[in-house]
N, C-alpha and C. Protein backbone atom coordinates (compact mmCIF):
# COMPACT_ATOMS: atom_id res chain seq x y z
N MET A 1 109.35 94.00 86.62
CA MET A 1 108.94 93.17 87.58
C MET A 1 110.02 93.44 88.44
N ALA A 2 111.32 93.57 87.94
CA ALA A 2 112.40 93.86 88.93
C ALA A 2 112.35 95.19 90.21
N ASP A 3 111.49 96.10 89.21
CA ASP A 3 111.21 97.49 90.25
C ASP A 3 110.13 96.97 91.18
N LEU A 4 108.97 95.77 90.98
CA LEU A 4 107.93 95.48 92.05
C LEU A 4 108.58 94.76 93.14
N LEU A 5 109.72 94.11 92.91
CA LEU A 5 110.61 94.07 94.21
C LEU A 5 111.25 94.63 94.96
N ILE A 6 112.28 95.86 94.01
CA ILE A 6 112.82 97.03 94.48
C ILE A 6 111.80 97.63 95.73
N VAL A 7 110.90 97.48 94.94
CA VAL A 7 109.80 98.68 96.07
C VAL A 7 109.37 97.18 97.38
N LEU A 8 109.52 96.37 97.21
CA LEU A 8 108.83 95.51 98.28
C LEU A 8 109.55 95.37 99.41
N ALA A 9 111.27 95.56 98.66
CA ALA A 9 112.57 95.15 99.62
C ALA A 9 112.37 96.45 100.30
N CYS A 10 111.74 97.27 99.74
CA CYS A 10 112.29 98.67 100.93
C CYS A 10 111.38 98.80 101.73
N ILE A 11 110.02 98.51 101.29
CA ILE A 11 109.01 98.55 102.60
C ILE A 11 108.95 97.31 103.25
N ALA A 12 109.11 96.18 102.77
CA ALA A 12 108.95 94.63 103.70
C ALA A 12 109.31 94.86 104.95
N PRO A 13 110.55 94.90 105.43
CA PRO A 13 111.77 95.26 106.56
C PRO A 13 110.40 96.68 107.91
N LEU A 14 109.82 97.69 106.90
CA LEU A 14 109.00 98.36 107.78
C LEU A 14 108.14 97.85 108.28
N GLY A 15 107.22 97.36 106.96
CA GLY A 15 105.87 96.74 107.29
C GLY A 15 106.27 95.62 108.11
N VAL A 16 107.17 94.72 108.17
CA VAL A 16 107.12 93.45 109.27
C VAL A 16 107.29 94.49 111.09
N TYR A 17 108.30 94.84 110.62
CA TYR A 17 108.32 96.07 112.17
C TYR A 17 107.21 96.72 112.54
N LEU A 18 106.01 97.46 111.50
CA LEU A 18 105.05 97.94 112.17
C LEU A 18 103.94 96.83 112.63
N ILE A 19 103.81 96.23 111.82
CA ILE A 19 103.26 94.87 112.43
C ILE A 19 103.02 93.97 113.47
N CYS A 20 104.51 93.79 114.20
CA CYS A 20 105.43 93.43 115.21
C CYS A 20 105.31 94.44 116.61
N THR A 21 105.25 95.60 115.95
CA THR A 21 104.83 96.93 117.41
C THR A 21 103.89 97.34 116.62
N ARG A 22 102.70 96.71 116.54
CA ARG A 22 101.42 97.51 115.80
C ARG A 22 101.26 98.82 115.84
N GLY A 23 102.35 99.45 115.35
CA GLY A 23 102.83 100.43 114.73
C GLY A 23 103.31 101.55 115.73
N LYS A 24 103.41 100.90 117.19
CA LYS A 24 103.79 102.12 117.83
C LYS A 24 105.75 101.88 118.26
N GLY A 25 106.35 101.37 117.33
CA GLY A 25 107.64 100.86 117.69
C GLY A 25 108.28 102.68 117.28
N GLU A 26 109.03 102.70 117.55
CA GLU A 26 110.07 103.86 117.64
C GLU A 26 111.44 103.83 116.96
N GLU A 27 111.24 102.91 115.67
CA GLU A 27 112.37 102.82 114.98
C GLU A 27 111.66 102.43 113.57
N LYS A 28 111.11 103.70 113.21
CA LYS A 28 110.44 103.16 111.59
C LYS A 28 111.91 103.66 111.04
N GLY A 29 112.21 104.56 111.40
CA GLY A 29 113.69 105.30 110.24
C GLY A 29 114.45 103.84 109.88
N ARG A 30 115.01 103.28 111.15
CA ARG A 30 115.97 102.06 111.11
C ARG A 30 115.50 101.54 109.96
N PHE A 31 114.23 100.90 110.22
CA PHE A 31 113.47 99.68 109.68
C PHE A 31 113.80 100.06 108.17
N GLY A 32 112.86 101.24 107.89
CA GLY A 32 112.91 101.99 106.42
C GLY A 32 114.56 102.09 105.82
N SER A 33 115.65 102.15 106.54
CA SER A 33 116.80 102.40 105.72
C SER A 33 117.36 101.03 105.81
N ILE A 34 116.95 100.03 106.69
CA ILE A 34 117.08 98.81 106.35
C ILE A 34 116.21 98.18 104.88
N GLY A 35 115.41 98.31 104.64
CA GLY A 35 114.73 97.88 103.56
C GLY A 35 115.42 99.07 102.23
N LEU A 36 115.86 100.01 102.06
CA LEU A 36 116.64 100.63 101.06
C LEU A 36 118.07 100.13 100.62
N GLY A 37 118.71 99.54 102.11
CA GLY A 37 119.81 99.01 102.64
C GLY A 37 119.73 97.56 101.25
N LEU A 38 118.66 97.17 101.77
CA LEU A 38 118.69 95.70 100.80
C LEU A 38 118.55 96.44 99.02
N ALA A 39 117.75 97.11 98.73
CA ALA A 39 117.90 97.38 97.37
C ALA A 39 119.04 98.10 96.85
N PHE A 40 119.75 98.95 97.53
CA PHE A 40 121.05 99.11 97.15
C PHE A 40 122.27 97.66 97.11
N CYS A 41 121.81 97.05 98.18
CA CYS A 41 123.03 95.57 97.90
C CYS A 41 122.69 95.15 96.48
N TYR A 42 121.32 95.00 96.12
CA TYR A 42 120.65 94.41 94.70
C TYR A 42 121.50 95.44 93.79
N PHE A 43 121.19 96.59 93.83
CA PHE A 43 121.78 97.51 92.59
C PHE A 43 123.30 97.39 92.75
N ALA A 44 124.19 97.26 93.58
CA ALA A 44 125.56 97.26 93.77
C ALA A 44 125.48 95.95 92.96
N LEU A 45 125.10 94.61 93.55
CA LEU A 45 125.54 93.80 92.71
C LEU A 45 125.59 93.34 91.14
N ALA A 46 124.22 94.26 90.86
CA ALA A 46 124.13 94.14 89.48
C ALA A 46 125.36 95.06 88.32
N HIS A 47 126.02 95.75 89.41
CA HIS A 47 127.05 95.99 88.28
C HIS A 47 128.62 95.79 88.62
N PHE A 48 128.48 94.38 89.49
CA PHE A 48 129.31 92.98 89.23
C PHE A 48 128.96 92.12 88.19
N VAL A 49 127.82 91.78 87.82
CA VAL A 49 127.05 91.11 87.69
C VAL A 49 126.99 91.28 85.96
N VAL A 50 125.95 92.21 85.98
CA VAL A 50 125.71 92.74 84.26
C VAL A 50 126.35 93.90 83.77
N THR A 51 127.95 93.85 84.35
CA THR A 51 128.58 95.05 84.56
C THR A 51 128.63 95.33 82.67
N ASN A 52 128.66 94.68 81.88
CA ASN A 52 128.97 95.13 80.28
C ASN A 52 127.21 95.42 79.71
N GLU A 53 126.41 95.13 79.89
CA GLU A 53 125.20 95.59 79.93
C GLU A 53 124.57 97.45 80.14
N LEU A 54 125.77 97.25 81.57
CA LEU A 54 125.26 98.71 82.30
C LEU A 54 126.54 99.64 81.68
N VAL A 55 127.14 99.13 81.59
CA VAL A 55 128.26 100.22 80.43
C VAL A 55 127.59 100.56 78.90
N GLU A 56 127.02 99.97 78.77
CA GLU A 56 126.02 100.55 77.43
C GLU A 56 125.11 101.43 77.67
N MET A 57 124.77 101.75 78.78
CA MET A 57 124.18 102.74 79.51
C MET A 57 124.32 103.49 79.27
N LEU A 58 125.90 104.12 79.42
CA LEU A 58 125.83 105.41 79.69
C LEU A 58 126.71 105.89 78.42
N PRO A 59 126.60 107.36 77.89
CA PRO A 59 126.76 107.40 76.68
C PRO A 59 128.40 107.37 76.28
N SER A 60 128.84 107.02 75.25
CA SER A 60 129.90 106.74 74.86
C SER A 60 131.39 107.85 74.84
N PHE A 61 130.62 109.23 75.18
CA PHE A 61 131.82 110.28 74.99
C PHE A 61 132.24 110.09 77.26
N ILE A 62 131.63 108.92 77.68
CA ILE A 62 131.75 109.14 78.94
C ILE A 62 133.30 108.33 79.07
N PRO A 63 134.47 108.77 79.16
CA PRO A 63 135.79 107.50 79.34
C PRO A 63 135.63 106.80 80.33
N GLU A 64 136.57 105.49 80.34
CA GLU A 64 136.38 104.75 80.83
C GLU A 64 135.03 104.06 82.29
N ARG A 65 134.38 103.62 80.67
CA ARG A 65 132.89 103.42 81.39
C ARG A 65 132.68 102.26 82.57
N LYS A 66 133.93 101.37 82.19
CA LYS A 66 133.73 99.71 82.83
C LYS A 66 134.02 100.32 84.35
N LEU A 67 135.08 100.99 84.46
CA LEU A 67 135.30 101.71 85.92
C LEU A 67 134.10 102.38 86.59
N VAL A 68 133.82 102.79 85.33
CA VAL A 68 132.65 104.22 85.97
C VAL A 68 131.46 103.25 86.66
N ILE A 69 131.38 101.94 85.73
CA ILE A 69 130.31 101.12 86.70
C ILE A 69 130.61 100.57 87.80
N TYR A 70 132.46 99.98 87.58
CA TYR A 70 132.82 99.27 88.73
C TYR A 70 132.39 99.92 90.34
N ALA A 71 132.96 101.37 89.67
CA ALA A 71 133.25 102.51 90.77
C ALA A 71 131.23 102.70 91.31
N THR A 72 130.38 102.67 90.89
CA THR A 72 129.05 103.04 91.22
C THR A 72 128.56 102.20 91.97
N GLY A 73 128.81 100.96 91.72
CA GLY A 73 128.55 99.74 92.15
C GLY A 73 129.39 99.32 93.70
N VAL A 74 131.03 99.93 93.80
CA VAL A 74 131.55 100.24 95.17
C VAL A 74 130.37 100.91 95.84
N ALA A 75 130.31 102.33 95.43
CA ALA A 75 129.81 103.34 95.86
C ALA A 75 128.24 102.81 96.65
N GLU A 76 127.20 102.18 95.45
CA GLU A 76 125.52 101.59 96.06
C GLU A 76 126.39 100.54 97.31
N ALA A 77 127.34 99.58 97.08
CA ALA A 77 127.71 98.46 98.21
C ALA A 77 128.24 99.32 99.47
N VAL A 78 128.68 100.63 99.47
CA VAL A 78 129.03 101.35 100.62
C VAL A 78 127.73 102.41 101.40
N VAL A 79 127.29 102.60 100.45
CA VAL A 79 126.00 103.18 100.88
C VAL A 79 124.97 102.37 101.35
N ALA A 80 124.78 100.77 100.74
CA ALA A 80 123.95 100.09 101.73
C ALA A 80 124.85 99.89 102.60
N PHE A 81 125.91 99.08 103.27
CA PHE A 81 126.53 99.06 104.50
C PHE A 81 126.05 100.18 105.45
N GLY A 82 126.39 101.21 105.14
CA GLY A 82 125.88 102.44 105.78
C GLY A 82 124.58 102.37 106.08
N LEU A 83 123.87 102.34 105.21
CA LEU A 83 122.31 101.87 105.64
C LEU A 83 121.92 101.18 106.82
N LEU A 84 122.82 99.52 107.23
CA LEU A 84 122.54 99.21 107.47
C LEU A 84 123.12 99.14 108.94
N THR A 85 123.80 99.85 109.37
CA THR A 85 124.43 100.59 110.81
C THR A 85 124.19 101.60 110.80
N ARG A 86 123.67 102.05 112.46
CA ARG A 86 122.88 102.95 112.90
C ARG A 86 123.81 104.21 113.18
N ARG A 87 125.39 103.83 113.19
CA ARG A 87 126.57 105.08 113.17
C ARG A 87 126.04 106.20 111.72
N TRP A 88 126.10 104.75 110.60
CA TRP A 88 126.25 105.32 109.25
C TRP A 88 125.10 106.04 108.65
N ARG A 89 123.64 105.58 109.03
CA ARG A 89 122.36 105.47 108.55
C ARG A 89 121.93 107.09 107.95
N ASP A 90 122.03 107.95 108.56
CA ASP A 90 121.78 109.14 107.96
C ASP A 90 122.60 109.71 106.98
N ALA A 91 124.04 109.51 107.27
CA ALA A 91 125.23 109.92 105.91
C ALA A 91 125.00 109.49 104.74
N ALA A 92 124.56 107.83 105.08
CA ALA A 92 124.26 106.84 103.87
C ALA A 92 123.26 106.93 103.18
N SER A 93 121.98 107.86 103.94
CA SER A 93 120.84 108.23 103.22
C SER A 93 120.92 109.10 102.39
N ILE A 94 121.71 110.43 102.70
CA ILE A 94 122.05 111.12 102.47
C ILE A 94 122.51 110.81 100.87
N ALA A 95 123.58 110.23 101.03
CA ALA A 95 124.63 109.78 99.79
C ALA A 95 124.11 109.03 98.90
N ALA A 96 123.10 107.98 99.31
CA ALA A 96 121.97 107.25 98.52
C ALA A 96 121.05 108.23 97.60
N ALA A 97 120.49 109.65 98.00
CA ALA A 97 119.88 110.52 97.24
C ALA A 97 120.62 110.97 96.36
N VAL A 98 121.98 111.07 96.64
CA VAL A 98 122.69 112.19 96.14
C VAL A 98 122.90 110.96 94.79
N LEU A 99 123.16 109.49 95.31
CA LEU A 99 123.23 108.60 93.98
C LEU A 99 122.07 108.63 93.09
N LEU A 100 121.02 108.65 93.77
CA LEU A 100 119.84 108.56 92.81
C LEU A 100 119.50 109.52 91.86
N VAL A 101 119.69 110.71 92.64
CA VAL A 101 119.68 111.78 91.29
C VAL A 101 120.66 111.55 90.56
N THR A 102 121.86 111.47 90.99
CA THR A 102 122.88 111.27 89.72
C THR A 102 122.98 110.44 88.61
N PHE A 103 122.16 109.09 88.87
CA PHE A 103 122.26 108.03 87.86
C PHE A 103 121.05 108.41 87.19
N LEU A 104 120.16 109.14 87.71
CA LEU A 104 118.62 109.69 86.93
C LEU A 104 119.11 109.89 85.24
N PRO A 105 120.12 110.57 84.75
CA PRO A 105 120.16 111.19 83.59
C PRO A 105 121.04 110.38 82.62
N ALA A 106 121.86 108.93 82.99
CA ALA A 106 121.77 107.38 82.90
C ALA A 106 121.19 106.90 82.32
N ASN A 107 119.69 106.56 83.15
CA ASN A 107 118.71 106.01 82.96
C ASN A 107 117.72 106.58 82.04
N ILE A 108 117.68 107.69 81.95
CA ILE A 108 116.87 108.57 80.95
C ILE A 108 117.90 108.31 79.58
N TYR A 109 118.97 108.61 79.62
CA TYR A 109 119.93 108.26 77.99
C TYR A 109 119.45 106.81 77.95
N ALA A 110 119.41 105.81 78.39
CA ALA A 110 119.49 104.22 77.91
C ALA A 110 118.07 104.21 77.67
N ALA A 111 117.07 105.00 78.27
CA ALA A 111 115.67 104.55 77.75
C ALA A 111 115.36 105.30 76.38
N THR A 112 115.65 106.64 76.52
CA THR A 112 115.97 107.21 75.41
C THR A 112 116.32 106.37 74.20
N ASN A 113 117.71 105.69 74.61
CA ASN A 113 118.53 105.23 73.35
C ASN A 113 117.89 103.64 72.87
N TYR A 114 117.04 103.09 73.47
CA TYR A 114 116.77 101.75 73.75
C TYR A 114 117.79 100.99 73.81
N ILE A 115 118.70 101.22 75.43
CA ILE A 115 119.89 100.52 75.42
C ILE A 115 119.39 99.85 77.16
N GLY A 116 119.96 99.38 77.64
CA GLY A 116 119.92 98.56 79.10
C GLY A 116 119.95 97.07 79.10
N VAL A 117 119.50 97.13 80.33
CA VAL A 117 118.85 95.44 80.66
C VAL A 117 117.87 95.01 81.03
N GLY A 118 117.20 93.81 81.09
CA GLY A 118 116.08 93.59 81.60
C GLY A 118 114.46 94.45 81.21
N ASP A 119 113.96 94.90 82.25
CA ASP A 119 112.93 96.26 81.91
C ASP A 119 113.10 97.47 80.71
N HIS A 120 114.66 97.42 81.04
CA HIS A 120 115.26 98.62 80.53
C HIS A 120 115.26 98.91 78.90
N LYS A 121 115.27 97.67 78.55
CA LYS A 121 114.71 97.50 77.07
C LYS A 121 113.55 97.66 76.13
N LEU A 122 112.68 98.14 77.16
CA LEU A 122 111.43 99.08 76.63
C LEU A 122 111.68 100.18 76.01
N GLY A 123 112.35 100.69 76.49
CA GLY A 123 112.84 102.13 76.19
C GLY A 123 111.97 102.98 76.56
N PRO A 124 111.94 104.37 75.85
CA PRO A 124 111.18 105.37 76.65
C PRO A 124 109.88 105.07 77.28
N ASP A 125 109.02 104.30 76.91
CA ASP A 125 107.86 103.74 77.45
C ASP A 125 108.52 103.60 79.11
N TYR A 126 109.25 102.97 79.15
CA TYR A 126 109.99 102.25 80.85
C TYR A 126 110.49 103.70 81.23
N LEU A 127 110.69 105.19 81.18
CA LEU A 127 110.65 105.93 81.97
C LEU A 127 109.05 106.44 82.65
N TRP A 128 108.24 105.85 82.09
CA TRP A 128 107.15 106.08 82.96
C TRP A 128 107.09 105.28 84.21
N ILE A 129 108.06 103.79 84.17
CA ILE A 129 108.24 102.85 85.41
C ILE A 129 109.48 103.56 86.43
N ARG A 130 110.03 104.19 85.58
CA ARG A 130 111.48 104.48 86.07
C ARG A 130 111.26 105.22 87.26
N ILE A 131 111.43 106.59 86.22
CA ILE A 131 111.43 108.00 87.26
C ILE A 131 110.74 107.92 88.05
N PRO A 132 109.17 107.84 88.09
CA PRO A 132 108.25 107.66 89.73
C PRO A 132 109.02 106.57 90.31
N LEU A 133 109.99 105.33 90.03
CA LEU A 133 110.23 104.74 90.83
C LEU A 133 111.72 105.62 91.31
N GLN A 134 112.49 105.91 90.68
CA GLN A 134 113.26 106.69 91.44
C GLN A 134 113.14 107.90 92.62
N LEU A 135 112.28 108.56 91.65
CA LEU A 135 111.22 109.53 93.06
C LEU A 135 110.92 108.70 94.33
N PHE A 136 110.57 107.82 94.24
CA PHE A 136 110.31 106.71 95.50
C PHE A 136 111.40 106.46 96.09
N LEU A 137 112.54 105.78 95.63
CA LEU A 137 113.64 105.56 96.19
C LEU A 137 114.39 106.70 96.74
N LEU A 138 114.26 107.87 96.34
CA LEU A 138 114.68 109.47 96.96
C LEU A 138 113.97 109.65 98.12
N VAL A 139 112.49 109.66 98.28
CA VAL A 139 111.86 109.95 99.34
C VAL A 139 112.39 108.96 100.35
N TRP A 140 112.44 107.52 99.82
CA TRP A 140 112.27 106.68 100.90
C TRP A 140 113.72 106.92 101.47
N ALA A 141 114.67 107.36 100.89
CA ALA A 141 116.17 107.76 101.44
C ALA A 141 116.07 108.77 102.04
N LEU A 142 115.35 109.86 102.01
CA LEU A 142 115.73 111.10 102.50
C LEU A 142 114.40 111.00 104.30
N TRP A 143 113.47 109.97 104.22
CA TRP A 143 112.47 110.40 105.03
C TRP A 143 113.02 110.23 106.62
N PRO A 144 114.19 108.99 106.57
CA PRO A 144 114.13 108.90 107.94
C PRO A 144 115.09 109.90 108.55
N VAL A 145 115.63 110.71 107.62
CA VAL A 145 116.71 111.68 107.72
C VAL A 145 116.07 112.94 108.31
N PHE A 146 115.17 112.97 107.22
CA PHE A 146 114.29 114.59 107.71
C PHE A 146 112.85 115.00 107.95
N TRP A 147 112.55 113.43 108.19
CA TRP A 147 111.13 113.23 109.05
C TRP A 147 110.83 114.26 110.49
N PRO A 148 109.59 114.87 110.13
CA PRO A 148 109.88 116.41 111.33
C PRO A 148 109.72 115.63 112.83
N GLU A 149 108.39 114.17 112.35
CA GLU A 149 108.48 113.89 114.05
C GLU A 149 109.36 112.23 114.30
N ARG A 150 110.63 112.17 113.77
CA ARG A 150 111.35 110.89 113.55
C ARG A 150 111.84 111.19 115.12
N VAL A 151 112.11 109.81 115.34
CA VAL A 151 112.52 109.47 117.02
C VAL A 151 114.05 109.02 116.25
N ARG A 152 115.32 109.68 117.17
CA ARG A 152 116.19 109.08 117.10
C ARG A 152 116.80 107.70 117.80
N THR A 153 117.14 106.96 117.15
CA THR A 153 117.52 105.34 118.03
C THR A 153 118.81 105.24 117.94
N ARG A 154 119.82 106.08 118.65
CA ARG A 154 121.20 105.77 118.70
C ARG A 154 121.83 105.45 119.46
């Protein structure tokens, strides 16, 4: 259920913008980035609210796992902030993509080892949902930066 809310958080600002401008607005990338920024706020918050559960999602050979969770939460918060600003939007979009690719192995590890929080407790079956979600987020992060007909609104 949380995954559906993440997708809706990404899409909602753009959807409202398109409805209000009847699809003719020139700031589609901006509103797409705002949605992703909201999702990254949620991701960052989780690193500080359910820290111990997220620590369990990392393999035991990783040193200072709790510190890693806090550091990645801070990184996600920085990305969220960047996505919500005009000046840092493009850099934050690329950083979001890098984080999503970097976190995928941890999500696969957690799912295949039945570790995690919320929907992650479904184990390997959850990968069928989690991997497409991360691919959606990856595309969503990059389309405002690399979309051929994008209109820069600086």
